[in-house]
C-alpha atoms as a PDB file:
ATOM      1  CA  MET A   1       0.000   0.000   0.000  1.00  0.00           C
ATOM      2  CA  ARG A   2       2.911   2.335   0.696  1.00  0.00           C
ATOM      3  CA  TYR A   3       4.106   2.146  -2.907  1.00  0.00           C
ATOM      4  CA  ILE A   4       0.627   3.116  -4.091  1.00  0.00           C
ATOM      5  CA  PHE A   5      -0.287   5.677  -1.443  1.00  0.00           C
ATOM      6  CA  ILE A   6       2.844   7.860  -1.611  1.00  0.00           C
ATOM      7  CA  PRO A   7       2.863   8.309  -5.441  1.00  0.00           C
ATOM      8  CA  ALA A   8      -0.893   8.994  -5.313  1.00  0.00           C
ATOM      9  CA  ILE A   9      -0.343  11.786  -2.754  1.00  0.00           C
ATOM     10  CA  CYS A  10       2.430  13.282  -4.913  1.00  0.00           C
ATOM     11  CA  VAL A  11       0.216  13.250  -8.016  1.00  0.00           C
ATOM     12  CA  LEU A  12      -2.635  14.796  -6.032  1.00  0.00           C
ATOM     13  CA  CYS A  13      -0.333  17.600  -4.831  1.00  0.00           C
ATOM     14  CA  PHE A  14       0.731  18.364  -8.403  1.00  0.00           C
ATOM     15  CA  VAL A  15      -2.830  18.558  -9.782  1.00  0.00           C
ATOM     16  CA  LEU A  16      -4.308  20.321  -6.743  1.00  0.00           C
ATOM     17  CA  PRO A  17      -3.793  23.905  -8.119  1.00  0.00           C
ATOM     18  CA  PHE A  18      -6.310  23.171 -10.888  1.00  0.00           C
ATOM     19  CA  PHE A  19      -9.077  22.642  -8.327  1.00  0.00           C
ATOM     20  CA  ILE A  20      -8.457  25.506  -5.871  1.00  0.00           C
ATOM     21  CA  ASP A  21      -8.302  29.285  -6.200  1.00  0.00           C
ATOM     22  CA  ALA A  22      -5.163  31.436  -6.436  1.00  0.00           C
ATOM     23  CA  TYR A  23      -5.307  32.399  -2.750  1.00  0.00           C
ATOM     24  CA  LEU A  24      -5.115  28.786  -1.570  1.00  0.00           C
ATOM     25  CA  VAL A  25      -2.311  28.102  -4.044  1.00  0.00           C
ATOM     26  CA  HIS A  26      -0.355  30.968  -2.479  1.00  0.00           C
ATOM     27  CA  VAL A  27      -1.104  29.672   1.047  1.00  0.00           C
ATOM     28  CA  LEU A  28       0.072  26.148   0.189  1.00  0.00           C
ATOM     29  CA  THR A  29       3.219  27.545  -1.440  1.00  0.00           C
ATOM     30  CA  SER A  30       4.059  29.461   1.742  1.00  0.00           C
ATOM     31  CA  ILE A  31       3.367  26.405   3.902  1.00  0.00           C
ATOM     32  CA  MET A  32       5.738  24.288   1.808  1.00  0.00           C
ATOM     33  CA  ILE A  33       8.488  26.891   2.142  1.00  0.00           C
ATOM     34  CA  PHE A  34       8.212  26.813   5.933  1.00  0.00           C
ATOM     35  CA  LEU A  35       7.861  23.016   5.850  1.00  0.00           C
ATOM     36  CA  SER A  36      11.218  22.713   4.080  1.00  0.00           C
ATOM     37  CA  LEU A  37      12.814  25.000   6.667  1.00  0.00           C
ATOM     38  CA  ALA A  38      11.237  22.988   9.503  1.00  0.00           C
ATOM     39  CA  LEU A  39      12.613  19.736   8.110  1.00  0.00           C
ATOM     40  CA  SER A  40      16.086  21.219   7.666  1.00  0.00           C
ATOM     41  CA  TRP A  41      16.060  22.422  11.290  1.00  0.00           C
ATOM     42  CA  ASP A  42      14.921  19.015  12.508  1.00  0.00           C
ATOM     43  CA  MET A  43      17.625  17.253  10.484  1.00  0.00           C
ATOM     44  CA  MET A  44      20.288  19.277  12.310  1.00  0.00           C
ATOM     45  CA  LEU A  45      18.533  18.740  15.640  1.00  0.00           C
ATOM     46  CA  ARG A  46      18.811  14.967  15.171  1.00  0.00           C
ATOM     47  CA  THR A  47      22.555  15.335  15.752  1.00  0.00           C
ATOM     48  CA  GLY A  48      21.849  16.865  19.176  1.00  0.00           C
ATOM     49  CA  GLN A  49      22.864  20.369  18.078  1.00  0.00           C
ATOM     50  CA  LEU A  50      20.270  23.143  18.487  1.00  0.00           C
ATOM     51  CA  SER A  51      20.821  25.523  15.580  1.00  0.00           C
ATOM     52  CA  PHE A  52      19.266  28.986  15.413  1.00  0.00           C
ATOM     53  CA  GLY A  53      20.871  29.843  12.083  1.00  0.00           C
ATOM     54  CA  ILE A  54      17.868  29.118   9.822  1.00  0.00           C
ATOM     55  CA  ALA A  55      17.055  32.767   9.093  1.00  0.00           C
ATOM     56  CA  GLY A  56      20.718  33.546   8.449  1.00  0.00           C
ATOM     57  CA  PHE A  57      21.264  30.952   5.739  1.00  0.00           C
ATOM     58  CA  PHE A  58      17.757  31.543   4.371  1.00  0.00           C
ATOM     59  CA  GLY A  59      18.599  35.230   3.877  1.00  0.00           C
ATOM     60  CA  LEU A  60      22.035  34.395   2.538  1.00  0.00           C
ATOM     61  CA  GLY A  61      20.497  32.195  -0.153  1.00  0.00           C
ATOM     62  CA  ALA A  62      17.889  34.834  -0.982  1.00  0.00           C
ATOM     63  CA  TYR A  63      20.544  37.502  -1.543  1.00  0.00           C
ATOM     64  CA  ALA A  64      22.816  35.140  -3.488  1.00  0.00           C
ATOM     65  CA  SER A  65      19.951  34.281  -5.844  1.00  0.00           C
ATOM     66  CA  ILE A  66      18.847  37.881  -6.451  1.00  0.00           C
ATOM     67  CA  ILE A  67      22.424  39.088  -6.993  1.00  0.00           C
ATOM     68  CA  ALA A  68      23.148  36.194  -9.375  1.00  0.00           C
ATOM     69  CA  VAL A  69      20.121  37.093 -11.508  1.00  0.00           C
ATOM     70  CA  ASP A  70      20.426  40.882 -11.358  1.00  0.00           C
ATOM     71  CA  ASP A  71      24.184  41.385 -11.570  1.00  0.00           C
ATOM     72  CA  PHE A  72      25.371  38.293 -13.445  1.00  0.00           C
ATOM     73  CA  SER A  73      22.314  37.498 -15.614  1.00  0.00           C
ATOM     74  CA  VAL A  74      22.018  33.966 -14.239  1.00  0.00           C
ATOM     75  CA  HIS A  75      18.769  32.180 -15.067  1.00  0.00           C
ATOM     76  CA  PRO A  76      16.360  32.309 -12.077  1.00  0.00           C
ATOM     77  CA  MET A  77      16.142  28.505 -11.912  1.00  0.00           C
ATOM     78  CA  LEU A  78      19.927  28.172 -11.912  1.00  0.00           C
ATOM     79  CA  SER A  79      20.208  30.896  -9.278  1.00  0.00           C
ATOM     80  CA  ILE A  80      18.478  28.574  -6.797  1.00  0.00           C
ATOM     81  CA  LEU A  81      21.307  26.071  -7.220  1.00  0.00           C
ATOM     82  CA  VAL A  82      23.840  28.899  -6.949  1.00  0.00           C
ATOM     83  CA  ALA A  83      22.231  29.976  -3.664  1.00  0.00           C
ATOM     84  CA  ALA A  84      22.339  26.430  -2.262  1.00  0.00           C
ATOM     85  CA  VAL A  85      26.008  26.024  -3.178  1.00  0.00           C
ATOM     86  CA  PHE A  86      26.917  29.443  -1.777  1.00  0.00           C
ATOM     87  CA  ALA A  87      25.131  28.735   1.527  1.00  0.00           C
ATOM     88  CA  ALA A  88      26.835  25.334   1.717  1.00  0.00           C
ATOM     89  CA  LEU A  89      30.281  26.868   1.156  1.00  0.00           C
ATOM     90  CA  VAL A  90      29.699  29.500   3.841  1.00  0.00           C
ATOM     91  CA  ALA A  91      28.455  26.806   6.233  1.00  0.00           C
ATOM     92  CA  PHE A  92      31.481  24.642   5.440  1.00  0.00           C
ATOM     93  CA  ALA A  93      33.862  27.517   6.238  1.00  0.00           C
ATOM     94  CA  LEU A  94      32.020  28.530   9.419  1.00  0.00           C
ATOM     95  CA  GLY A  95      31.509  24.933  10.490  1.00  0.00           C
ATOM     96  CA  TRP A  96      35.191  24.483  11.264  1.00  0.00           C
ATOM     97  CA  ILE A  97      34.718  27.090  14.009  1.00  0.00           C
ATOM     98  CA  VAL A  98      31.144  26.924  15.290  1.00  0.00           C
ATOM     99  CA  LEU A  99      30.920  23.113  15.370  1.00  0.00           C
ATOM    100  CA  ARG A 100      33.615  23.049  18.040  1.00  0.00           C
ATOM    101  CA  LEU A 101      30.970  24.539  20.342  1.00  0.00           C
ATOM    102  CA  ARG A 102      28.206  22.630  22.057  1.00  0.00           C
ATOM    103  CA  GLU A 103      24.740  23.171  23.548  1.00  0.00           C
ATOM    104  CA  ILE A 104      23.830  26.793  24.367  1.00  0.00           C
ATOM    105  CA  TYR A 105      27.132  28.148  23.030  1.00  0.00           C
ATOM    106  CA  PHE A 106      26.468  26.635  19.605  1.00  0.00           C
ATOM    107  CA  ALA A 107      22.863  27.875  19.659  1.00  0.00           C
ATOM    108  CA  ILE A 108      23.839  31.468  20.527  1.00  0.00           C
ATOM    109  CA  THR A 109      26.620  31.517  17.933  1.00  0.00           C
ATOM    110  CA  THR A 110      24.320  30.331  15.143  1.00  0.00           C
ATOM    111  CA  LEU A 111      21.703  32.871  16.244  1.00  0.00           C
ATOM    112  CA  ALA A 112      24.300  35.630  15.896  1.00  0.00           C
ATOM    113  CA  LEU A 113      25.026  34.584  12.308  1.00  0.00           C
ATOM    114  CA  SER A 114      21.726  36.099  11.140  1.00  0.00           C
ATOM    115  CA  SER A 115      22.701  39.487  12.573  1.00  0.00           C
ATOM    116  CA  VAL A 116      26.192  39.258  11.075  1.00  0.00           C
ATOM    117  CA  PHE A 117      24.828  38.403   7.620  1.00  0.00           C
ATOM    118  CA  MET A 118      22.275  41.226   7.896  1.00  0.00           C
ATOM    119  CA  ILE A 119      25.023  43.734   8.753  1.00  0.00           C
ATOM    120  CA  PHE A 120      26.953  42.662   5.654  1.00  0.00           C
ATOM    121  CA  ALA A 121      23.793  43.046   3.550  1.00  0.00           C
ATOM    122  CA  ARG A 122      23.288  46.575   4.856  1.00  0.00           C
ATOM    123  CA  ASN A 123      26.850  47.739   4.365  1.00  0.00           C
ATOM    124  CA  LEU A 124      27.732  46.160   1.013  1.00  0.00           C
ATOM    125  CA  SER A 125      25.343  48.554  -0.700  1.00  0.00           C
ATOM    126  CA  ASP A 126      26.992  48.359  -4.132  1.00  0.00           C
ATOM    127  CA  LEU A 127      26.311  44.634  -4.231  1.00  0.00           C
ATOM    128  CA  THR A 128      23.237  44.155  -2.048  1.00  0.00           C
ATOM    129  CA  GLY A 129      21.428  47.476  -2.383  1.00  0.00           C
ATOM    130  CA  GLY A 130      22.044  48.364   1.267  1.00  0.00           C
ATOM    131  CA  SER A 131      19.095  49.075   3.547  1.00  0.00           C
ATOM    132  CA  ALA A 132      16.787  49.619   0.569  1.00  0.00           C
ATOM    133  CA  GLY A 133      17.320  46.094  -0.676  1.00  0.00           C
ATOM    134  CA  LYS A 134      17.301  44.823  -4.239  1.00  0.00           C
ATOM    135  CA  VAL A 135      14.418  44.394  -6.697  1.00  0.00           C
ATOM    136  CA  LEU A 136      14.241  42.264  -9.839  1.00  0.00           C
ATOM    137  CA  TYR A 137      12.411  43.277 -12.992  1.00  0.00           C
ATOM    138  CA  GLU A 138       9.959  40.378 -12.566  1.00  0.00           C
ATOM    139  CA  SER A 139       9.445  37.343 -10.366  1.00  0.00           C
ATOM    140  CA  ILE A 140      10.166  33.793 -11.498  1.00  0.00           C
ATOM    141  CA  PHE A 141       7.874  32.409 -14.250  1.00  0.00           C
ATOM    142  CA  GLY A 142       6.508  35.921 -14.685  1.00  0.00           C
ATOM    143  CA  GLY A 143       4.597  35.599 -11.413  1.00  0.00           C
ATOM    144  CA  ASP A 144       2.638  32.513 -12.534  1.00  0.00           C
ATOM    145  CA  PRO A 145       1.374  31.085  -9.182  1.00  0.00           C
ATOM    146  CA  ILE A 146       0.825  27.536 -10.437  1.00  0.00           C
ATOM    147  CA  ARG A 147       4.301  27.125 -11.930  1.00  0.00           C
ATOM    148  CA  THR A 148       5.802  28.659  -8.797  1.00  0.00           C
ATOM    149  CA  TYR A 149       3.771  26.201  -6.711  1.00  0.00           C
ATOM    150  CA  TRP A 150       5.108  23.272  -8.759  1.00  0.00           C
ATOM    151  CA  LEU A 151       8.688  24.479  -8.313  1.00  0.00           C
ATOM    152  CA  VAL A 152       8.313  24.875  -4.549  1.00  0.00           C
ATOM    153  CA  LEU A 153       6.560  21.497  -4.345  1.00  0.00           C
ATOM    154  CA  SER A 154       9.432  19.822  -6.224  1.00  0.00           C
ATOM    155  CA  VAL A 155      11.994  21.284  -3.826  1.00  0.00           C
ATOM    156  CA  THR A 156       9.853  20.323  -0.826  1.00  0.00           C
ATOM    157  CA  LEU A 157       9.563  16.719  -2.028  1.00  0.00           C
ATOM    158  CA  ALA A 158      13.350  16.643  -2.481  1.00  0.00           C
ATOM    159  CA  VAL A 159      13.817  17.878   1.096  1.00  0.00           C
ATOM    160  CA  ILE A 160      11.377  15.235   2.376  1.00  0.00           C
ATOM    161  CA  LEU A 161      13.365  12.578   0.505  1.00  0.00           C
ATOM    162  CA  LEU A 162      16.629  13.824   2.054  1.00  0.00           C
ATOM    163  CA  SER A 163      15.038  13.763   5.491  1.00  0.00           C
ATOM    164  CA  GLU A 164      13.932  10.168   4.946  1.00  0.00           C
ATOM    165  CA  ILE A 165      17.432   9.200   3.811  1.00  0.00           C
ATOM    166  CA  PHE A 166      18.713  10.738   7.027  1.00  0.00           C
ATOM    167  CA  GLN A 167      16.126   8.745   8.953  1.00  0.00           C
ATOM    168  CA  ARG A 168      16.537   5.357   7.269  1.00  0.00           C
ATOM    169  CA  SER A 169      20.144   5.100   6.039  1.00  0.00           C
ATOM    170  CA  ARG A 170      23.207   4.135   8.045  1.00  0.00           C
ATOM    171  CA  ILE A 171      23.856   7.831   8.700  1.00  0.00           C
ATOM    172  CA  ARG A 172      21.155   7.805  11.378  1.00  0.00           C
ATOM    173  CA  PHE A 173      23.125   5.354  13.536  1.00  0.00           C
ATOM    174  CA  ALA A 174      26.054   7.763  13.752  1.00  0.00           C
ATOM    175  CA  ILE A 175      23.798  10.783  14.220  1.00  0.00           C
ATOM    176  CA  ASN A 176      21.693   9.125  16.922  1.00  0.00           C
ATOM    177  CA  SER A 177      24.775   7.962  18.788  1.00  0.00           C
ATOM    178  CA  ILE A 178      26.170  11.511  18.759  1.00  0.00           C
ATOM    179  CA  ARG A 179      22.888  12.883  20.106  1.00  0.00           C
ATOM    180  CA  ASP A 180      22.525  10.209  22.797  1.00  0.00           C
ATOM    181  CA  ASP A 181      26.098  10.143  24.111  1.00  0.00           C
ATOM    182  CA  GLU A 182      28.880  11.935  22.285  1.00  0.00           C
ATOM    183  CA  ILE A 183      31.655  10.385  24.389  1.00  0.00           C
ATOM    184  CA  SER A 184      30.431   6.836  23.774  1.00  0.00           C
ATOM    185  CA  ALA A 185      30.071   7.592  20.055  1.00  0.00           C
ATOM    186  CA  LYS A 186      33.649   8.841  19.905  1.00  0.00           C
ATOM    187  CA  CYS A 187      34.909   5.766  21.754  1.00  0.00           C
ATOM    188  CA  SER A 188      33.047   3.592  19.235  1.00  0.00           C
ATOM    189  CA  GLY A 189      34.979   5.162  16.379  1.00  0.00           C
ATOM    190  CA  VAL A 190      32.366   7.612  15.097  1.00  0.00           C
ATOM    191  CA  ASN A 191      33.962  10.670  13.482  1.00  0.00           C
ATOM    192  CA  ILE A 192      31.802  13.210  15.301  1.00  0.00           C
ATOM    193  CA  PHE A 193      33.069  16.344  13.587  1.00  0.00           C
ATOM    194  CA  LYS A 194      32.668  14.823  10.105  1.00  0.00           C
ATOM    195  CA  TYR A 195      29.016  13.951  10.653  1.00  0.00           C
ATOM    196  CA  LEU A 196      28.220  17.270  12.335  1.00  0.00           C
ATOM    197  CA  LEU A 197      29.870  19.177   9.495  1.00  0.00           C
ATOM    198  CA  PHE A 198      28.004  17.116   6.903  1.00  0.00           C
ATOM    199  CA  ALA A 199      24.644  17.781   8.580  1.00  0.00           C
ATOM    200  CA  PHE A 200      25.409  21.482   9.041  1.00  0.00           C
ATOM    201  CA  VAL A 201      26.433  21.980   5.405  1.00  0.00           C
ATOM    202  CA  LEU A 202      23.495  19.978   4.009  1.00  0.00           C
ATOM    203  CA  THR A 203      20.841  21.728   6.107  1.00  0.00           C
ATOM    204  CA  SER A 204      22.373  25.137   5.349  1.00  0.00           C
ATOM    205  CA  ALA A 205      22.261  24.359   1.625  1.00  0.00           C
ATOM    206  CA  ILE A 206      18.558  23.488   1.952  1.00  0.00           C
ATOM    207  CA  GLN A 207      17.878  26.749   3.791  1.00  0.00           C
ATOM    208  CA  GLY A 208      19.796  28.701   1.149  1.00  0.00           C
ATOM    209  CA  ALA A 209      17.815  27.069  -1.669  1.00  0.00           C
ATOM    210  CA  VAL A 210      14.510  27.783   0.096  1.00  0.00           C
ATOM    211  CA  GLY A 211      15.591  31.390   0.609  1.00  0.00           C
ATOM    212  CA  ALA A 212      16.282  31.639  -3.109  1.00  0.00           C
ATOM    213  CA  LEU A 213      12.816  30.248  -3.879  1.00  0.00           C
ATOM    214  CA  TYR A 214      11.233  32.825  -1.611  1.00  0.00           C
ATOM    215  CA  ALA A 215      13.259  35.687  -3.100  1.00  0.00           C
ATOM    216  CA  GLN A 216      12.497  34.644  -6.681  1.00  0.00           C
ATOM    217  CA  GLN A 217       8.812  34.342  -5.856  1.00  0.00           C
ATOM    218  CA  TYR A 218       8.620  37.952  -4.660  1.00  0.00           C
ATOM    219  CA  ALA A 219      11.541  39.324  -6.754  1.00  0.00           C
ATOM    220  CA  PHE A 220      12.734  41.334  -3.763  1.00  0.00           C
ATOM    221  CA  VAL A 221      15.178  41.186  -0.851  1.00  0.00           C
ATOM    222  CA  GLU A 222      15.660  43.617   2.026  1.00  0.00           C
ATOM    223  CA  PRO A 223      17.767  43.096   5.189  1.00  0.00           C
ATOM    224  CA  GLU A 224      15.082  43.297   7.873  1.00  0.00           C
ATOM    225  CA  SER A 225      12.448  41.196   6.113  1.00  0.00           C
ATOM    226  CA  THR A 226      14.798  38.688   4.477  1.00  0.00           C
ATOM    227  CA  PHE A 227      16.639  37.903   7.727  1.00  0.00           C
ATOM    228  CA  SER A 228      13.427  38.124   9.762  1.00  0.00           C
ATOM    229  CA  ALA A 229      13.075  36.014  12.922  1.00  0.00           C
ATOM    230  CA  ASN A 230       9.869  34.582  11.410  1.00  0.00           C
ATOM    231  CA  PHE A 231      12.048  32.314   9.284  1.00  0.00           C
ATOM    232  CA  LEU A 232      13.496  30.919  12.504  1.00  0.00           C
ATOM    233  CA  LEU A 233      10.543  30.845  14.894  1.00  0.00           C
ATOM    234  CA  LEU A 234       7.838  29.503  12.582  1.00  0.00           C
ATOM    235  CA  PRO A 235       9.802  26.473  11.288  1.00  0.00           C
ATOM    236  CA  MET A 236      10.895  25.620  14.841  1.00  0.00           C
ATOM    237  CA  SER A 237       7.303  25.870  16.053  1.00  0.00           C
ATOM    238  CA  MET A 238       6.083  23.618  13.240  1.00  0.00           C
ATOM    239  CA  ALA A 239       8.676  20.953  14.052  1.00  0.00           C
ATOM    240  CA  LEU A 240       7.965  21.110  17.794  1.00  0.00           C
ATOM    241  CA  VAL A 241       4.193  20.905  17.367  1.00  0.00           C
ATOM    242  CA  GLY A 242       4.348  18.084  14.829  1.00  0.00           C
ATOM    243  CA  GLY A 243       7.116  16.116  16.539  1.00  0.00           C
ATOM    244  CA  ILE A 244      10.899  16.290  16.313  1.00  0.00           C
ATOM    245  CA  TYR A 245      13.376  13.614  15.169  1.00  0.00           C
ATOM    246  CA  SER A 246      11.091  12.559  12.319  1.00  0.00           C
ATOM    247  CA  THR A 247       9.973  13.482   8.818  1.00  0.00           C
ATOM    248  CA  ILE A 248       6.241  13.153   9.351  1.00  0.00           C
ATOM    249  CA  GLY A 249       6.256  15.324  12.494  1.00  0.00           C
ATOM    250  CA  PRO A 250       7.336  18.589  10.816  1.00  0.00           C
ATOM    251  CA  ILE A 251       4.949  17.861   7.921  1.00  0.00           C
ATOM    252  CA  ILE A 252       2.022  17.566  10.347  1.00  0.00           C
ATOM    253  CA  GLY A 253       3.142  20.670  12.231  1.00  0.00           C
ATOM    254  CA  ALA A 254       3.586  22.727   9.054  1.00  0.00           C
ATOM    255  CA  LEU A 255       0.132  21.824   7.732  1.00  0.00           C
ATOM    256  CA  ALA A 256      -1.583  22.359  11.094  1.00  0.00           C
ATOM    257  CA  LEU A 257       0.098  25.647  12.038  1.00  0.00           C
ATOM    258  CA  GLY A 258       0.249  26.941   8.480  1.00  0.00           C
ATOM    259  CA  LEU A 259      -3.476  26.538   7.891  1.00  0.00           C
ATOM    260  CA  ALA A 260      -4.283  27.728  11.431  1.00  0.00           C
ATOM    261  CA  SER A 261      -2.148  30.820  10.924  1.00  0.00           C
ATOM    262  CA  GLU A 262      -3.944  31.783   7.718  1.00  0.00           C
ATOM    263  CA  TYR A 263      -7.351  31.249   9.310  1.00  0.00           C
ATOM    264  CA  LEU A 264      -6.383  33.269  12.391  1.00  0.00           C
ATOM    265  CA  LYS A 265      -5.130  36.112  10.187  1.00  0.00           C
ATOM    266  CA  LEU A 266      -8.587  36.395   8.667  1.00  0.00           C
ATOM    267  CA  LEU A 267     -10.290  36.034  12.047  1.00  0.00           C
ATOM    268  CA  MET A 268      -7.916  38.245  14.109  1.00  0.00           C
ATOM    269  CA  PRO A 269      -5.722  40.375  11.814  1.00  0.00           C
ATOM    270  CA  TYR A 270      -3.891  42.034  14.715  1.00  0.00           C
ATOM    271  CA  GLY A 271      -3.990  39.326  17.366  1.00  0.00           C
ATOM    272  CA  HIS A 272      -3.482  36.050  15.541  1.00  0.00           C
ATOM    273  CA  LEU A 273       0.091  35.644  16.795  1.00  0.00           C
ATOM    274  CA  ILE A 274      -1.197  35.482  20.387  1.00  0.00           C
ATOM    275  CA  ILE A 275      -3.338  32.450  19.568  1.00  0.00           C
ATOM    276  CA  TYR A 276      -0.475  30.999  17.540  1.00  0.00           C
ATOM    277  CA  GLY A 277       1.781  31.302  20.586  1.00  0.00           C
ATOM    278  CA  LEU A 278      -0.835  29.741  22.862  1.00  0.00           C
ATOM    279  CA  ILE A 279      -1.105  26.735  20.534  1.00  0.00           C
ATOM    280  CA  LEU A 280       2.665  26.268  20.772  1.00  0.00           C
ATOM    281  CA  ILE A 281       2.689  26.606  24.583  1.00  0.00           C
ATOM    282  CA  VAL A 282      -0.169  24.133  25.041  1.00  0.00           C
ATOM    283  CA  THR A 283       1.532  21.639  22.738  1.00  0.00           C
ATOM    284  CA  ILE A 284       4.844  21.853  24.597  1.00  0.00           C
ATOM    285  CA  LEU A 285       3.117  21.485  27.998  1.00  0.00           C
ATOM    286  CA  PHE A 286       0.752  18.624  27.182  1.00  0.00           C
ATOM    287  CA  LEU A 287       2.358  17.038  24.081  1.00  0.00           C
ATOM    288  CA  PRO A 288       6.115  17.399  24.688  1.00  0.00           C
ATOM    289  CA  ARG A 289       6.870  14.892  21.924  1.00  0.00           C
ATOM    290  CA  GLY A 290       4.575  16.678  19.494  1.00  0.00           C
ATOM    291  CA  VAL A 291       1.483  15.334  17.795  1.00  0.00           C
ATOM    292  CA  TYR A 292       3.213  12.578  15.834  1.00  0.00           C
ATOM    293  CA  GLY A 293       5.510  11.584  18.694  1.00  0.00           C
ATOM    294  CA  THR A 294       2.587  11.301  21.115  1.00  0.00           C
ATOM    295  CA  ILE A 295       0.572   9.168  18.680  1.00  0.00           C
ATOM    296  CA  THR A 296       3.461   6.779  18.045  1.00  0.00           C
ATOM    297  CA  ASP A 297       4.197   6.472  21.786  1.00  0.00           C
ATOM    298  CA  ARG A 298       0.580   5.516  22.519  1.00  0.00           C
ATOM    299  CA  MET A 299       0.572   2.984  19.689  1.00  0.00           C
ATOM    300  CA  VAL A 300       3.716   1.389  21.113  1.00  0.00           C
ATOM    301  CA  LYS A 301       2.149   1.214  24.604  1.00  0.00           C
ATOM    302  CA  LYS A 302      -0.975  -0.502  23.238  1.00  0.00           C
ATOM    303  CA  ARG A 303       1.168  -3.176  21.620  1.00  0.00           C
END
């Protein structure tokens, strides 16, 4: 049934824009962008390292994509790959320093990266447009929402596949051992730094590519909005609500919080974030393993 169900869901996702209006297409596109970020954050968290650098590498990829198109006449589709490679190279260089840190020190350092990248974006005005940002002549596919949806969906499915490879391949044994007991993992011959660097570079590349998608969709980057904390807090919330250390968990969290957020915006335009925060607090208090984690735990107990 798995080999029938999964392809059927993928086909349904691709044809869905023909049966819904443009507003829902835009909502689903936004949800998939945050879903990809949530999965990338969770993939790094599986190593035991709490990274707050999502917004930093997201913004870095957005700027790399816009600059590649505007200044070097790179095709918008190719600029997404350029952004992913650029974010990966930056992460590789920084990883030799920041991955020596652990726990709260690593978290604070990665959080500071967003501010550092934003300062560079403000001051390199000849390249980045400074505080005013940078605008393209037109968005990708001429602003066609359905083609943009298909592109974002393709990237999201690729991220889901990478997350599953992380979850099911031999890599997970090394990653889980590092998260559970780093000293025991090292004594067992696991090259801790190699696996941490690999995870950090891969997740940063994903965040850079998603940032490029977002920038090409709106044809605009600007320091404050591109490096906004929303691109850190919302993906983290989605992963926590859905359930960490899994692929399905962040998917559930992204769909639940993404749709709830849009509904609350219509219901309470100026107070929806309060309800959004309450949902997160209640989930952490009563479902500490998230929705998916709680369901799987109860199923195991029944067996």
